[in-house]
Amino acid sequence: MHQFNRIAVIGGAGFVGSYIAEELTRYGAQLSIATRRRERHKGLLLHLPSADLVETNVHDAGQLEQFLAGHDAVISMVGILHGSRNDFEKAHVQLTGKIIAACKSQGIRRIVHISALGAGESAPSDYQQTKGKAERLLRDSGLDVTILRPSVIFGAGDSFLTLFASLAAVAPFIPLAGADTRFAPVWVEDVARAVRVCLEQDASIGQTLELTGPKTYTLRQLVAYAANLAGHPRTLIALPEGLAMLQATLMELLPGKPPLSRDNVRSLRVDNVSQQPFPALLGFSPTALEAVAPLYLGEQEFNRQLDRYRKQAARR
């Protein structure tokens, strides 16, 4: 793969990262993927012999430098959807600064950074604002940076369409914040392919590329589509922002990660679409949602997933 044989991935132990790892190793790259809990994530990568999960705390500057040593390029993709303003600053801004400093210390020039469509320092939410601050740090770093800004990402194992399908399976109706907010969902395998192509092409250096699917939908349309595919069509009730904020406040009191936070609601004030065409330098066209979603959200497949979840829960 171009001149980058050893690639360090930060934030790559989850859904999107597993697809990126599979794409890059298929083309001959050796990957080191940072994780704080190796045992929890090792099952994702058992079939990728050239990808290594390395237990490290990337927020510790010394451990981060040690992790990056000997690599040719870095994929930076840490992102959190919930938390306080300090949590967002730590994950998105402070960590990005540490990655830049560690790259310079280790002589690594190439970074591909996965941000988010809608990121901006004057955007409505803490998530979007801190993502925008991280982008500015990278653009000002003097390193060879490519920034990718995907819309919401879908695919087998996602927490987007699958979440809506799961809700439809148990809820008689679905109250929906931001029902008319527009999205252009992009397939996770297209995002992974974009990362690889950017590493292969010097023309992507200095570019900020927006990754969207070929069609735009309202959130209401996406939720209805996921529910129908799963075999559980439901009535959707659009919530005004005041009620949505109340709903999110209550959900934030639940243990674990809430399905909706007040910051999520603020993000829904702006459409998650792009005015740019899909980047021509990537050399491929994005895949339609309708070509993929039925394969993992169709009623039979969704029921099989529920059966697997139930069996796993019974074993715990």
Protein backbone atom coordinates (compact mmCIF):
# COMPACT_ATOMS: atom_id res chain seq x y z
CA MET A 1 0.00 0.00 0.00
CA HIS A 2 1.82 3.11 -1.30
CA GLN A 3 4.74 3.92 0.99
CA PHE A 4 2.76 3.38 4.19
CA ASN A 5 3.37 -0.15 5.41
CA ARG A 6 2.94 0.33 9.16
CA ILE A 7 -0.12 2.29 10.17
CA ALA A 8 -1.19 3.24 13.71
CA VAL A 9 -4.93 3.53 14.31
CA ILE A 10 -6.24 5.58 17.22
CA GLY A 11 -9.91 5.07 18.04
CA GLY A 12 -10.21 2.08 15.74
CA ALA A 13 -11.44 -0.70 18.04
CA GLY A 14 -15.14 -0.17 17.30
CA PHE A 15 -17.65 -0.45 14.46
CA VAL A 16 -16.02 1.78 11.83
CA GLY A 17 -12.49 0.85 12.86
CA SER A 18 -13.07 -2.85 12.25
CA TYR A 19 -14.06 -2.16 8.63
CA ILE A 20 -11.07 0.13 8.10
CA ALA A 21 -8.76 -2.53 9.52
CA GLU A 22 -10.19 -5.15 7.18
CA GLU A 23 -9.84 -2.86 4.16
CA LEU A 24 -6.25 -1.84 4.89
CA THR A 25 -4.96 -5.30 5.78
CA ARG A 26 -6.50 -6.67 2.58
CA TYR A 27 -4.13 -4.34 0.73
CA GLY A 28 -1.06 -5.37 2.67
CA ALA A 29 -0.82 -2.86 5.51
CA GLN A 30 0.45 -3.78 8.97
CA LEU A 31 -1.80 -2.17 11.57
CA SER A 32 -1.41 -1.33 15.24
CA ILE A 33 -4.74 -0.48 16.84
CA ALA A 34 -4.73 1.26 20.19
CA THR A 35 -7.20 0.10 22.82
CA ARG A 36 -7.57 0.48 26.57
CA ARG A 37 -9.22 -2.95 26.86
CA ARG A 38 -7.61 -5.48 24.57
CA GLU A 39 -9.62 -8.46 25.79
CA ARG A 40 -12.92 -6.70 25.10
CA HIS A 41 -12.13 -6.00 21.45
CA LYS A 42 -9.85 -8.81 20.33
CA GLY A 43 -12.71 -10.84 18.84
CA LEU A 44 -13.28 -8.14 16.22
CA LEU A 45 -9.86 -8.68 14.70
CA LEU A 46 -9.14 -12.38 15.11
CA HIS A 47 -9.44 -12.89 11.36
CA LEU A 48 -6.91 -10.13 10.59
CA PRO A 49 -3.45 -11.56 11.27
CA SER A 50 -1.69 -8.37 10.19
CA ALA A 51 -3.63 -6.19 12.65
CA ASP A 52 -2.40 -5.99 16.24
CA LEU A 53 -4.42 -4.68 19.17
CA VAL A 54 -2.10 -2.78 21.50
CA GLU A 55 -3.28 -2.00 25.02
CA THR A 56 -2.34 1.60 25.70
CA ASN A 57 -3.73 4.82 27.13
CA VAL A 58 -3.52 7.26 24.22
CA HIS A 59 -4.32 10.19 26.54
CA ASP A 60 -0.96 9.62 28.23
CA ALA A 61 1.63 11.46 26.11
CA GLY A 62 4.41 8.99 26.93
CA GLN A 63 2.34 5.91 26.11
CA LEU A 64 1.08 7.56 22.92
CA GLU A 65 4.62 8.28 21.71
CA GLN A 66 5.66 4.73 22.48
CA PHE A 67 2.63 3.40 20.58
CA LEU A 68 3.37 5.52 17.48
CA ALA A 69 7.08 4.69 17.33
CA GLY A 70 8.08 2.94 14.11
CA HIS A 71 4.92 3.72 12.15
CA ASP A 72 4.65 5.45 8.76
CA ALA A 73 1.17 6.96 9.08
CA VAL A 74 -1.63 7.53 11.59
CA ILE A 75 -5.39 7.16 11.28
CA SER A 76 -7.02 9.35 13.92
CA MET A 77 -10.67 8.52 14.54
CA VAL A 78 -11.50 9.00 18.20
CA GLY A 79 -15.04 10.22 18.66
CA ILE A 80 -17.57 10.25 21.49
CA LEU A 81 -21.26 11.09 21.14
CA HIS A 82 -22.11 11.65 24.81
CA GLY A 83 -20.54 13.41 27.75
CA SER A 84 -19.83 16.79 29.30
CA ARG A 85 -18.12 19.64 27.48
CA ASN A 86 -14.89 18.62 29.22
CA ASP A 87 -15.32 15.06 27.96
CA PHE A 88 -15.70 16.29 24.37
CA GLU A 89 -12.70 18.62 24.73
CA LYS A 90 -10.55 15.79 26.09
CA ALA A 91 -11.52 13.24 23.42
CA HIS A 92 -11.65 15.48 20.37
CA VAL A 93 -9.39 18.47 20.98
CA GLN A 94 -6.78 17.64 23.61
CA LEU A 95 -6.14 14.17 22.21
CA THR A 96 -5.77 15.56 18.69
CA GLY A 97 -3.15 17.97 20.00
CA LYS A 98 -1.30 15.08 21.67
CA ILE A 99 -1.43 13.04 18.44
CA ILE A 100 0.05 15.93 16.47
CA ALA A 101 2.84 16.39 19.02
CA ALA A 102 3.61 12.65 19.14
CA CYS A 103 3.69 12.43 15.33
CA LYS A 104 6.18 15.28 15.16
CA SER A 105 8.29 13.70 17.90
CA GLN A 106 8.36 10.36 16.05
CA GLY A 107 8.92 11.84 12.59
CA ILE A 108 5.50 10.77 11.26
CA ARG A 109 4.09 13.20 8.71
CA ARG A 110 0.98 11.47 7.37
CA ILE A 111 -2.37 11.63 9.20
CA VAL A 112 -5.82 10.67 7.95
CA HIS A 113 -8.36 12.08 10.39
CA ILE A 114 -12.01 11.02 10.53
CA SER A 115 -14.10 13.97 11.65
CA ALA A 116 -17.83 14.42 11.06
CA LEU A 117 -20.08 16.22 8.62
CA GLY A 118 -21.37 19.33 10.35
CA ALA A 119 -18.23 19.85 12.44
CA GLY A 120 -17.58 23.52 13.07
CA GLU A 121 -16.58 25.79 15.92
CA SER A 122 -19.83 27.74 15.64
CA ALA A 123 -22.05 24.67 15.24
CA PRO A 124 -24.91 24.07 17.72
CA SER A 125 -23.53 21.17 19.75
CA ASP A 126 -20.45 20.45 21.85
CA TYR A 127 -19.79 17.39 19.68
CA GLN A 128 -19.73 19.43 16.48
CA GLN A 129 -17.80 22.34 17.99
CA THR A 130 -15.00 20.20 19.41
CA LYS A 131 -14.77 18.20 16.18
CA GLY A 132 -14.34 21.56 14.42
CA LYS A 133 -11.60 22.65 16.84
CA ALA A 134 -9.74 19.39 16.18
CA GLU A 135 -9.91 20.02 12.44
CA ARG A 136 -8.35 23.46 12.91
CA LEU A 137 -5.49 21.99 14.97
CA LEU A 138 -4.78 19.49 12.20
CA ARG A 139 -4.91 22.06 9.40
CA ASP A 140 -2.48 24.27 11.33
CA SER A 141 -0.13 21.40 12.24
CA GLY A 142 2.10 21.56 9.16
CA LEU A 143 1.74 17.79 8.75
CA ASP A 144 0.41 15.92 5.70
CA VAL A 145 -3.22 15.74 6.74
CA THR A 146 -6.40 14.53 5.07
CA ILE A 147 -9.68 15.16 6.89
CA LEU A 148 -12.69 12.98 6.11
CA ARG A 149 -16.13 14.23 7.16
CA PRO A 150 -18.70 11.43 6.85
CA SER A 151 -22.42 11.86 7.33
CA VAL A 152 -24.04 9.29 9.60
CA ILE A 153 -22.50 5.87 8.86
CA PHE A 154 -24.57 2.74 8.28
CA GLY A 155 -23.70 -0.93 7.84
CA ALA A 156 -23.88 -4.28 9.59
CA GLY A 157 -23.10 -3.68 13.25
CA ASP A 158 -24.01 0.02 13.22
CA SER A 159 -25.68 1.84 16.10
CA PHE A 160 -27.87 3.94 13.81
CA LEU A 161 -30.37 2.01 11.69
CA THR A 162 -29.98 -1.04 13.94
CA LEU A 163 -30.92 1.08 16.97
CA PHE A 164 -34.13 2.26 15.29
CA ALA A 165 -35.00 -1.29 14.25
CA SER A 166 -34.43 -2.48 17.83
CA LEU A 167 -36.67 0.28 19.21
CA ALA A 168 -39.40 -0.61 16.75
CA ALA A 169 -39.29 -4.23 17.92
CA VAL A 170 -40.25 -3.27 21.48
CA ALA A 171 -42.00 0.13 21.35
CA PRO A 172 -45.62 0.61 20.21
CA PHE A 173 -44.68 4.05 18.83
CA ILE A 174 -41.46 6.05 18.49
CA PRO A 175 -41.14 9.67 19.71
CA LEU A 176 -38.60 11.34 17.49
CA ALA A 177 -36.44 14.41 18.00
CA GLY A 178 -35.30 16.22 14.86
CA ALA A 179 -37.74 14.29 12.69
CA ASP A 180 -37.26 16.62 9.70
CA THR A 181 -33.46 16.90 9.95
CA ARG A 182 -31.92 15.66 6.72
CA PHE A 183 -29.11 13.10 6.44
CA ALA A 184 -27.12 11.56 3.58
CA PRO A 185 -26.05 8.23 5.16
CA VAL A 186 -22.80 6.73 3.90
CA TRP A 187 -21.93 3.01 3.90
CA VAL A 188 -19.20 2.01 6.34
CA GLU A 189 -17.35 0.08 3.62
CA ASP A 190 -17.25 3.22 1.48
CA VAL A 191 -15.71 5.12 4.41
CA ALA A 192 -13.09 2.38 4.84
CA ARG A 193 -12.31 2.45 1.12
CA ALA A 194 -11.96 6.24 1.24
CA VAL A 195 -9.37 5.93 4.03
CA ARG A 196 -7.31 3.49 1.96
CA VAL A 197 -7.49 5.56 -1.22
CA CYS A 198 -6.42 8.69 0.67
CA LEU A 199 -3.37 6.90 2.03
CA GLU A 200 -2.51 5.81 -1.50
CA GLN A 201 -2.95 9.23 -3.12
CA ASP A 202 -0.81 12.25 -2.34
CA ALA A 203 -3.50 14.37 -4.02
CA SER A 204 -5.61 13.93 -0.88
CA ILE A 205 -3.05 15.70 1.33
CA GLY A 206 -4.41 19.03 2.55
CA GLN A 207 -7.94 18.10 1.52
CA THR A 208 -11.13 18.02 3.57
CA LEU A 209 -13.43 15.49 1.92
CA GLU A 210 -17.12 15.17 2.74
CA LEU A 211 -18.43 11.60 2.53
CA THR A 212 -22.14 11.17 1.87
CA GLY A 213 -24.36 8.59 0.28
CA PRO A 214 -26.14 9.19 -3.05
CA LYS A 215 -29.52 10.10 -1.49
CA THR A 216 -30.84 12.41 1.21
CA TYR A 217 -33.50 11.42 3.73
CA THR A 218 -35.21 13.01 6.72
CA LEU A 219 -34.65 11.29 10.04
CA ARG A 220 -38.34 10.41 10.01
CA GLN A 221 -37.89 8.56 6.68
CA LEU A 222 -34.84 6.67 7.94
CA VAL A 223 -36.52 5.51 11.14
CA ALA A 224 -39.63 4.38 9.25
CA TYR A 225 -37.46 2.53 6.72
CA ALA A 226 -35.48 0.69 9.41
CA ALA A 227 -38.65 -0.25 11.30
CA ASN A 228 -40.34 -1.55 8.14
CA LEU A 229 -37.30 -3.59 7.12
CA ALA A 230 -37.23 -5.21 10.54
CA GLY A 231 -40.90 -6.13 10.15
CA HIS A 232 -42.14 -3.72 12.84
CA PRO A 233 -43.74 -0.66 11.20
CA ARG A 234 -44.48 1.93 13.87
CA THR A 235 -46.17 5.28 14.30
CA LEU A 236 -43.60 8.07 14.58
CA ILE A 237 -44.35 11.12 16.72
CA ALA A 238 -42.25 14.18 15.89
CA LEU A 239 -41.21 16.03 19.05
CA PRO A 240 -40.65 19.80 19.21
CA GLU A 241 -37.22 20.66 20.55
CA GLY A 242 -38.51 21.54 24.04
CA LEU A 243 -40.04 18.10 24.50
CA ALA A 244 -37.02 16.46 22.86
CA MET A 245 -34.75 18.18 25.39
CA LEU A 246 -36.95 16.92 28.24
CA GLN A 247 -36.84 13.40 26.83
CA ALA A 248 -33.04 13.59 26.49
CA THR A 249 -32.66 14.92 30.04
CA LEU A 250 -34.54 11.91 31.37
CA MET A 251 -32.55 9.52 29.20
CA GLU A 252 -29.30 10.97 30.50
CA LEU A 253 -30.34 9.78 33.98
CA LEU A 254 -30.33 6.16 32.82
CA PRO A 255 -27.27 4.01 33.57
CA GLY A 256 -24.76 3.54 30.75
CA LYS A 257 -24.69 5.48 27.51
CA PRO A 258 -28.04 7.18 26.84
CA PRO A 259 -29.71 6.55 23.46
CA LEU A 260 -30.28 10.32 23.24
CA SER A 261 -28.60 13.28 24.94
CA ARG A 262 -29.31 17.00 24.98
CA ASP A 263 -26.17 17.51 22.90
CA ASN A 264 -27.54 15.07 20.31
CA VAL A 265 -30.72 17.14 20.15
CA ARG A 266 -28.70 20.31 19.56
CA SER A 267 -26.84 18.55 16.71
CA LEU A 268 -30.20 17.89 15.05
CA ARG A 269 -30.79 21.63 14.58
CA VAL A 270 -28.77 21.49 11.34
CA ASP A 271 -29.04 19.16 8.35
CA ASN A 272 -26.29 16.55 8.02
CA VAL A 273 -25.82 16.86 4.27
CA SER A 274 -23.15 18.15 1.92
CA GLN A 275 -23.26 20.73 -0.84
CA GLN A 276 -20.26 19.02 -2.47
CA PRO A 277 -20.45 16.03 -4.82
CA PHE A 278 -18.85 12.80 -3.62
CA PRO A 279 -15.07 13.39 -3.99
CA ALA A 280 -13.94 12.49 -7.52
CA LEU A 281 -10.35 11.82 -6.43
CA LEU A 282 -11.55 8.75 -4.53
CA GLY A 283 -12.33 7.08 -7.84
CA PHE A 284 -15.60 5.38 -6.88
CA SER A 285 -19.25 6.23 -6.31
CA PRO A 286 -21.01 5.80 -2.95
CA THR A 287 -23.32 2.84 -2.38
CA ALA A 288 -27.05 3.33 -1.97
CA LEU A 289 -28.61 2.66 1.41
CA GLU A 290 -31.27 0.48 -0.21
CA ALA A 291 -28.61 -1.84 -1.64
CA VAL A 292 -27.20 -2.70 1.80
CA ALA A 293 -29.71 -2.13 4.61
CA PRO A 294 -32.06 -5.01 3.67
CA LEU A 295 -29.13 -7.42 3.98
CA TYR A 296 -28.70 -6.76 7.69
CA LEU A 297 -32.05 -5.24 8.73
CA GLY A 298 -34.42 -7.51 6.82
CA GLU A 299 -36.97 -9.19 9.08
CA GLN A 300 -35.42 -12.68 9.00
CA GLU A 301 -31.88 -11.43 9.54
CA PHE A 302 -33.01 -9.03 12.26
CA ASN A 303 -34.81 -11.85 14.09
CA ARG A 304 -31.64 -13.94 13.92
CA GLN A 305 -29.72 -11.05 15.46
CA LEU A 306 -32.28 -10.76 18.26
CA ASP A 307 -31.97 -14.49 18.93
CA ARG A 308 -28.18 -14.13 19.17
CA TYR A 309 -28.54 -11.19 21.59
CA ARG A 310 -30.97 -13.16 23.76
CA LYS A 311 -28.66 -16.17 23.91
CA GLN A 312 -25.70 -13.95 24.80
CA ALA A 313 -27.73 -12.24 27.52
CA ALA A 314 -28.80 -15.63 28.94
CA ARG A 315 -25.15 -16.69 29.25
CA ARG A 316 -24.18 -13.65 31.29
